[in-house]
């Protein structure tokens, strides 16, 4: 990470853990319990793999989206700053593969949070 954006491993060390890192990627494990919340943090372009099914509210500024994802699901997450809350009744367990190389074509405008963005 470049040190300019809040790193989730720093903002929420009890929830995020580095599993692997080299010059091209960083792999994070994320685990929480119902009701747990994260502080604002930033992820670069990433692939998220869910190891459990869960429900979350993801927020960025004044926008938020409630999402429900099944276990064993892979999803592209464009670079974004957000914070989240486990709004379900199950623990969250996911792995993020963060890309260190910037996209060849940067996104134009804000990155949507998800299908039910409000």
N, C-alpha and C. Protein backbone atom coordinates (compact mmCIF):
# COMPACT_ATOMS: atom_id res chain seq x y z
N UNK A 1 0.85 -1.16 0.00
CA UNK A 1 0.00 0.00 0.00
C UNK A 1 0.90 1.23 0.00
N UNK A 2 0.37 2.36 -0.46
CA UNK A 2 1.20 3.53 -0.66
C UNK A 2 1.36 4.41 0.57
N UNK A 3 0.71 4.11 1.69
CA UNK A 3 0.85 4.89 2.89
C UNK A 3 -0.05 6.11 2.93
N UNK A 4 -0.66 6.49 1.81
CA UNK A 4 -1.53 7.65 1.75
C UNK A 4 -2.97 7.30 2.11
N UNK A 5 -3.36 6.09 1.90
CA UNK A 5 -4.73 5.64 2.15
C UNK A 5 -4.76 4.76 3.39
N UNK A 6 -5.88 4.77 4.10
CA UNK A 6 -5.97 3.93 5.30
C UNK A 6 -5.92 2.44 4.95
N UNK A 7 -4.96 1.76 5.50
CA UNK A 7 -4.74 0.33 5.26
C UNK A 7 -5.61 -0.47 6.23
N UNK A 8 -6.44 -1.41 5.74
CA UNK A 8 -7.32 -2.15 6.64
C UNK A 8 -6.58 -2.96 7.70
N UNK A 9 -5.36 -3.37 7.41
CA UNK A 9 -4.58 -4.12 8.40
C UNK A 9 -4.19 -3.21 9.56
N UNK A 10 -4.09 -1.91 9.29
CA UNK A 10 -3.76 -0.93 10.33
C UNK A 10 -5.03 -0.46 11.04
N UNK A 11 -6.09 -0.16 10.27
CA UNK A 11 -7.31 0.36 10.88
C UNK A 11 -8.07 -0.69 11.69
N UNK A 12 -7.99 -1.95 11.26
CA UNK A 12 -8.74 -3.03 11.92
C UNK A 12 -7.90 -4.30 12.02
N UNK A 13 -6.80 -4.24 12.79
CA UNK A 13 -5.90 -5.40 12.85
C UNK A 13 -6.52 -6.65 13.47
N UNK A 14 -7.60 -6.49 14.25
CA UNK A 14 -8.26 -7.65 14.83
C UNK A 14 -9.15 -8.38 13.82
N UNK A 15 -9.41 -7.74 12.64
CA UNK A 15 -10.28 -8.31 11.62
C UNK A 15 -9.54 -8.72 10.35
N UNK A 16 -8.47 -8.01 10.00
CA UNK A 16 -7.69 -8.28 8.79
C UNK A 16 -6.31 -8.82 9.16
N UNK A 17 -5.85 -9.79 8.36
CA UNK A 17 -4.51 -10.36 8.57
C UNK A 17 -3.87 -10.62 7.22
N UNK A 18 -2.59 -10.27 7.08
CA UNK A 18 -1.85 -10.53 5.83
C UNK A 18 -1.47 -12.01 5.81
N UNK A 19 -1.90 -12.72 4.76
CA UNK A 19 -1.56 -14.14 4.58
C UNK A 19 -0.34 -14.31 3.69
N UNK A 20 -0.17 -13.39 2.72
CA UNK A 20 0.92 -13.48 1.75
C UNK A 20 1.12 -12.11 1.13
N UNK A 21 2.36 -11.79 0.80
CA UNK A 21 2.63 -10.54 0.10
C UNK A 21 3.92 -10.66 -0.68
N UNK A 22 3.89 -10.12 -1.90
CA UNK A 22 5.10 -9.96 -2.70
C UNK A 22 5.00 -8.64 -3.44
N UNK A 23 5.84 -8.42 -4.45
CA UNK A 23 5.85 -7.13 -5.15
C UNK A 23 4.62 -6.92 -6.03
N UNK A 24 3.81 -7.95 -6.29
CA UNK A 24 2.66 -7.81 -7.19
C UNK A 24 1.30 -7.93 -6.53
N UNK A 25 1.21 -8.69 -5.44
CA UNK A 25 -0.09 -8.89 -4.76
C UNK A 25 0.09 -8.91 -3.25
N UNK A 26 -1.03 -8.67 -2.58
CA UNK A 26 -1.10 -8.88 -1.13
C UNK A 26 -2.40 -9.64 -0.89
N UNK A 27 -2.32 -10.70 -0.09
CA UNK A 27 -3.49 -11.52 0.20
C UNK A 27 -3.86 -11.31 1.67
N UNK A 28 -5.11 -10.87 1.88
CA UNK A 28 -5.60 -10.60 3.22
C UNK A 28 -6.70 -11.58 3.59
N UNK A 29 -6.72 -11.99 4.84
CA UNK A 29 -7.84 -12.75 5.38
C UNK A 29 -8.68 -11.77 6.20
N UNK A 30 -10.00 -11.87 6.04
CA UNK A 30 -10.92 -11.03 6.82
C UNK A 30 -11.89 -11.94 7.56
N UNK A 31 -12.03 -11.70 8.86
CA UNK A 31 -12.98 -12.45 9.69
C UNK A 31 -13.65 -11.50 10.65
N UNK A 32 -14.98 -11.64 10.78
CA UNK A 32 -15.70 -10.87 11.79
C UNK A 32 -16.89 -11.65 12.30
N UNK A 33 -17.59 -11.06 13.28
CA UNK A 33 -18.78 -11.66 13.88
C UNK A 33 -19.96 -10.71 13.67
N UNK A 34 -21.17 -11.22 13.82
CA UNK A 34 -22.34 -10.34 13.69
C UNK A 34 -22.20 -9.09 14.57
N UNK A 35 -22.48 -7.94 13.97
CA UNK A 35 -22.39 -6.68 14.69
C UNK A 35 -21.05 -5.98 14.58
N UNK A 36 -19.99 -6.70 14.17
CA UNK A 36 -18.67 -6.08 14.03
C UNK A 36 -18.69 -5.04 12.91
N UNK A 37 -17.90 -3.97 13.09
CA UNK A 37 -17.78 -2.90 12.10
C UNK A 37 -16.31 -2.61 11.83
N UNK A 38 -16.04 -2.18 10.62
CA UNK A 38 -14.69 -1.74 10.29
C UNK A 38 -14.64 -0.22 10.29
N UNK A 39 -13.43 0.31 10.37
CA UNK A 39 -13.18 1.74 10.22
C UNK A 39 -12.99 2.03 8.73
N UNK A 40 -13.13 3.28 8.30
CA UNK A 40 -12.87 3.60 6.89
C UNK A 40 -11.47 3.15 6.49
N UNK A 41 -11.39 2.48 5.35
CA UNK A 41 -10.13 1.98 4.82
C UNK A 41 -10.22 1.87 3.31
N UNK A 42 -9.11 1.58 2.67
CA UNK A 42 -9.07 1.52 1.21
C UNK A 42 -8.50 0.18 0.75
N UNK A 43 -9.10 -0.34 -0.32
CA UNK A 43 -8.57 -1.51 -1.01
C UNK A 43 -8.22 -1.09 -2.43
N UNK A 44 -7.08 -1.55 -2.96
CA UNK A 44 -6.83 -1.37 -4.39
C UNK A 44 -7.71 -2.36 -5.16
N UNK A 45 -7.62 -2.39 -6.48
CA UNK A 45 -8.33 -3.41 -7.25
C UNK A 45 -8.04 -4.77 -6.61
N UNK A 46 -9.10 -5.56 -6.41
CA UNK A 46 -8.96 -6.82 -5.68
C UNK A 46 -9.93 -7.87 -6.18
N UNK A 47 -9.62 -9.11 -5.88
CA UNK A 47 -10.57 -10.21 -6.02
C UNK A 47 -10.89 -10.67 -4.61
N UNK A 48 -12.19 -10.72 -4.29
CA UNK A 48 -12.63 -11.20 -2.98
C UNK A 48 -13.20 -12.60 -3.16
N UNK A 49 -12.76 -13.53 -2.32
CA UNK A 49 -13.28 -14.90 -2.31
C UNK A 49 -13.94 -15.12 -0.96
N UNK A 50 -15.23 -15.44 -0.99
CA UNK A 50 -15.95 -15.68 0.26
C UNK A 50 -15.75 -17.13 0.70
N UNK A 51 -15.39 -17.30 1.95
CA UNK A 51 -15.21 -18.64 2.51
C UNK A 51 -16.41 -19.02 3.37
N UNK A 52 -17.26 -18.04 3.66
CA UNK A 52 -18.53 -18.27 4.35
C UNK A 52 -19.57 -17.37 3.68
N UNK A 53 -20.83 -17.72 3.85
CA UNK A 53 -21.89 -16.83 3.39
C UNK A 53 -22.10 -15.75 4.44
N UNK A 54 -22.46 -14.53 4.01
CA UNK A 54 -22.63 -13.45 4.97
C UNK A 54 -23.47 -12.31 4.40
N UNK A 55 -23.90 -11.44 5.31
CA UNK A 55 -24.63 -10.22 4.96
C UNK A 55 -23.86 -9.04 5.54
N UNK A 56 -23.68 -8.00 4.71
CA UNK A 56 -22.92 -6.81 5.13
C UNK A 56 -23.58 -5.55 4.63
N UNK A 57 -23.34 -4.50 5.35
CA UNK A 57 -23.65 -3.15 4.87
C UNK A 57 -22.30 -2.50 4.60
N UNK A 58 -22.09 -2.12 3.33
CA UNK A 58 -20.84 -1.46 2.92
C UNK A 58 -21.19 0.00 2.64
N UNK A 59 -20.42 0.91 3.22
CA UNK A 59 -20.71 2.33 3.10
C UNK A 59 -19.49 3.10 2.61
N UNK A 60 -19.76 4.14 1.83
CA UNK A 60 -18.73 5.05 1.34
C UNK A 60 -19.36 6.43 1.27
N UNK A 61 -18.86 7.33 2.11
CA UNK A 61 -19.49 8.66 2.17
C UNK A 61 -20.92 8.53 2.63
N UNK A 62 -21.86 9.11 1.87
CA UNK A 62 -23.28 9.04 2.24
C UNK A 62 -24.02 7.92 1.52
N UNK A 63 -23.30 7.06 0.80
CA UNK A 63 -23.92 5.93 0.10
C UNK A 63 -23.67 4.65 0.89
N UNK A 64 -24.63 3.73 0.81
CA UNK A 64 -24.41 2.41 1.39
C UNK A 64 -25.17 1.36 0.58
N UNK A 65 -24.70 0.14 0.70
CA UNK A 65 -25.33 -0.98 0.01
C UNK A 65 -25.36 -2.16 0.97
N UNK A 66 -26.50 -2.84 1.03
CA UNK A 66 -26.62 -4.08 1.79
C UNK A 66 -26.41 -5.22 0.81
N UNK A 67 -25.46 -6.08 1.13
CA UNK A 67 -25.13 -7.19 0.23
C UNK A 67 -25.22 -8.51 1.00
N UNK A 68 -25.57 -9.55 0.27
CA UNK A 68 -25.57 -10.90 0.80
C UNK A 68 -24.84 -11.76 -0.20
N UNK A 69 -23.81 -12.45 0.26
CA UNK A 69 -23.00 -13.27 -0.62
C UNK A 69 -22.93 -14.70 -0.08
N UNK A 70 -22.95 -15.69 -0.99
CA UNK A 70 -22.84 -17.09 -0.56
C UNK A 70 -21.37 -17.46 -0.32
N UNK A 71 -21.16 -18.59 0.32
CA UNK A 71 -19.81 -19.13 0.46
C UNK A 71 -19.29 -19.57 -0.91
N UNK A 72 -17.98 -19.61 -1.04
CA UNK A 72 -17.31 -20.09 -2.26
C UNK A 72 -17.68 -19.25 -3.48
N UNK A 73 -17.68 -17.95 -3.31
CA UNK A 73 -18.03 -17.01 -4.37
C UNK A 73 -16.82 -16.10 -4.59
N UNK A 74 -16.44 -15.87 -5.85
CA UNK A 74 -15.36 -14.94 -6.19
C UNK A 74 -15.97 -13.72 -6.84
N UNK A 75 -15.46 -12.53 -6.46
CA UNK A 75 -16.04 -11.28 -6.96
C UNK A 75 -14.95 -10.24 -7.14
N UNK A 76 -15.00 -9.53 -8.27
CA UNK A 76 -14.09 -8.42 -8.52
C UNK A 76 -14.54 -7.22 -7.70
N UNK A 77 -13.59 -6.58 -7.04
CA UNK A 77 -13.86 -5.37 -6.27
C UNK A 77 -12.92 -4.28 -6.81
N UNK A 78 -13.48 -3.29 -7.48
CA UNK A 78 -12.66 -2.18 -7.97
C UNK A 78 -12.13 -1.37 -6.80
N UNK A 79 -11.00 -0.70 -7.00
CA UNK A 79 -10.38 0.11 -5.95
C UNK A 79 -11.42 1.03 -5.32
N UNK A 80 -11.45 1.08 -4.00
CA UNK A 80 -12.43 1.90 -3.30
C UNK A 80 -12.06 2.08 -1.85
N UNK A 81 -12.60 3.15 -1.27
CA UNK A 81 -12.50 3.39 0.17
C UNK A 81 -13.90 3.19 0.73
N UNK A 82 -14.00 2.45 1.82
CA UNK A 82 -15.30 2.17 2.41
C UNK A 82 -15.14 1.75 3.87
N UNK A 83 -16.25 1.50 4.52
CA UNK A 83 -16.29 0.84 5.82
C UNK A 83 -17.49 -0.08 5.80
N UNK A 84 -17.48 -1.09 6.67
CA UNK A 84 -18.54 -2.08 6.60
C UNK A 84 -19.00 -2.54 7.96
N UNK A 85 -20.14 -3.23 7.94
CA UNK A 85 -20.73 -3.77 9.16
C UNK A 85 -21.36 -5.11 8.85
N UNK A 86 -21.12 -6.09 9.71
CA UNK A 86 -21.77 -7.39 9.58
C UNK A 86 -23.19 -7.23 10.11
N UNK A 87 -24.17 -7.24 9.20
CA UNK A 87 -25.58 -7.05 9.58
C UNK A 87 -26.34 -8.37 9.61
N UNK A 88 -25.63 -9.48 9.43
CA UNK A 88 -26.27 -10.79 9.41
C UNK A 88 -26.16 -11.50 10.74
N UNK A 89 -26.46 -12.78 10.70
CA UNK A 89 -26.42 -13.61 11.91
C UNK A 89 -25.29 -14.63 11.87
N UNK A 90 -24.40 -14.51 10.86
CA UNK A 90 -23.28 -15.45 10.73
C UNK A 90 -21.96 -14.69 10.69
N UNK A 91 -20.89 -15.39 10.98
CA UNK A 91 -19.56 -14.81 10.88
C UNK A 91 -19.19 -14.62 9.42
N UNK A 92 -18.39 -13.60 9.15
CA UNK A 92 -17.85 -13.35 7.82
C UNK A 92 -16.45 -13.93 7.77
N UNK A 93 -16.14 -14.66 6.69
CA UNK A 93 -14.79 -15.14 6.44
C UNK A 93 -14.54 -14.99 4.95
N UNK A 94 -13.56 -14.16 4.60
CA UNK A 94 -13.26 -13.89 3.19
C UNK A 94 -11.77 -13.67 3.03
N UNK A 95 -11.32 -13.83 1.80
CA UNK A 95 -9.93 -13.57 1.43
C UNK A 95 -9.94 -12.54 0.31
N UNK A 96 -9.07 -11.53 0.43
CA UNK A 96 -8.90 -10.51 -0.59
C UNK A 96 -7.54 -10.69 -1.23
N UNK A 97 -7.50 -10.75 -2.55
CA UNK A 97 -6.25 -10.74 -3.30
C UNK A 97 -6.12 -9.34 -3.88
N UNK A 98 -5.32 -8.51 -3.23
CA UNK A 98 -5.16 -7.12 -3.65
C UNK A 98 -4.05 -7.01 -4.68
N UNK A 99 -4.36 -6.33 -5.79
CA UNK A 99 -3.38 -6.13 -6.85
C UNK A 99 -2.58 -4.86 -6.57
N UNK A 100 -1.28 -4.94 -6.69
CA UNK A 100 -0.44 -3.77 -6.43
C UNK A 100 -0.21 -2.93 -7.68
N UNK A 101 -0.42 -3.52 -8.86
CA UNK A 101 -0.23 -2.77 -10.09
C UNK A 101 -1.51 -2.03 -10.42
N UNK A 102 -1.41 -0.73 -10.74
CA UNK A 102 -2.63 0.01 -11.09
C UNK A 102 -3.24 -0.49 -12.39
N UNK A 103 -4.54 -0.28 -12.53
CA UNK A 103 -5.25 -0.66 -13.74
C UNK A 103 -4.69 0.10 -14.94
N UNK A 104 -4.65 -0.55 -16.10
CA UNK A 104 -4.19 0.10 -17.32
C UNK A 104 -5.17 1.17 -17.76
N UNK A 105 -6.46 0.99 -17.44
CA UNK A 105 -7.48 1.98 -17.77
C UNK A 105 -8.22 2.35 -16.48
N UNK A 106 -7.88 3.50 -15.90
CA UNK A 106 -8.51 3.88 -14.63
C UNK A 106 -10.01 4.06 -14.77
N UNK A 107 -10.72 3.74 -13.70
CA UNK A 107 -12.18 3.90 -13.68
C UNK A 107 -12.53 5.38 -13.76
N UNK A 108 -13.64 5.67 -14.43
CA UNK A 108 -14.13 7.04 -14.53
C UNK A 108 -15.29 7.18 -13.57
N UNK A 109 -15.21 8.16 -12.68
CA UNK A 109 -16.29 8.38 -11.73
C UNK A 109 -16.19 7.44 -10.56
N UNK A 110 -17.15 7.54 -9.63
CA UNK A 110 -17.13 6.69 -8.45
C UNK A 110 -17.40 5.24 -8.78
N UNK A 111 -16.78 4.36 -8.02
CA UNK A 111 -16.98 2.93 -8.18
C UNK A 111 -18.24 2.55 -7.43
N UNK A 112 -19.23 1.90 -8.09
CA UNK A 112 -20.44 1.51 -7.38
C UNK A 112 -20.14 0.49 -6.29
N UNK A 113 -20.87 0.58 -5.21
CA UNK A 113 -20.69 -0.32 -4.08
C UNK A 113 -21.27 -1.69 -4.33
N UNK A 114 -22.36 -1.77 -5.07
CA UNK A 114 -22.99 -3.05 -5.30
C UNK A 114 -24.35 -2.89 -5.93
N UNK A 115 -25.05 -3.99 -6.14
CA UNK A 115 -26.30 -3.96 -6.87
C UNK A 115 -27.42 -3.19 -6.19
N UNK A 116 -27.42 -3.08 -4.87
CA UNK A 116 -28.51 -2.39 -4.20
C UNK A 116 -28.04 -1.06 -3.60
N UNK A 117 -27.13 -0.39 -4.30
CA UNK A 117 -26.59 0.88 -3.83
C UNK A 117 -27.71 1.88 -3.55
N UNK A 118 -27.59 2.56 -2.42
CA UNK A 118 -28.59 3.58 -2.06
C UNK A 118 -27.93 4.90 -1.83
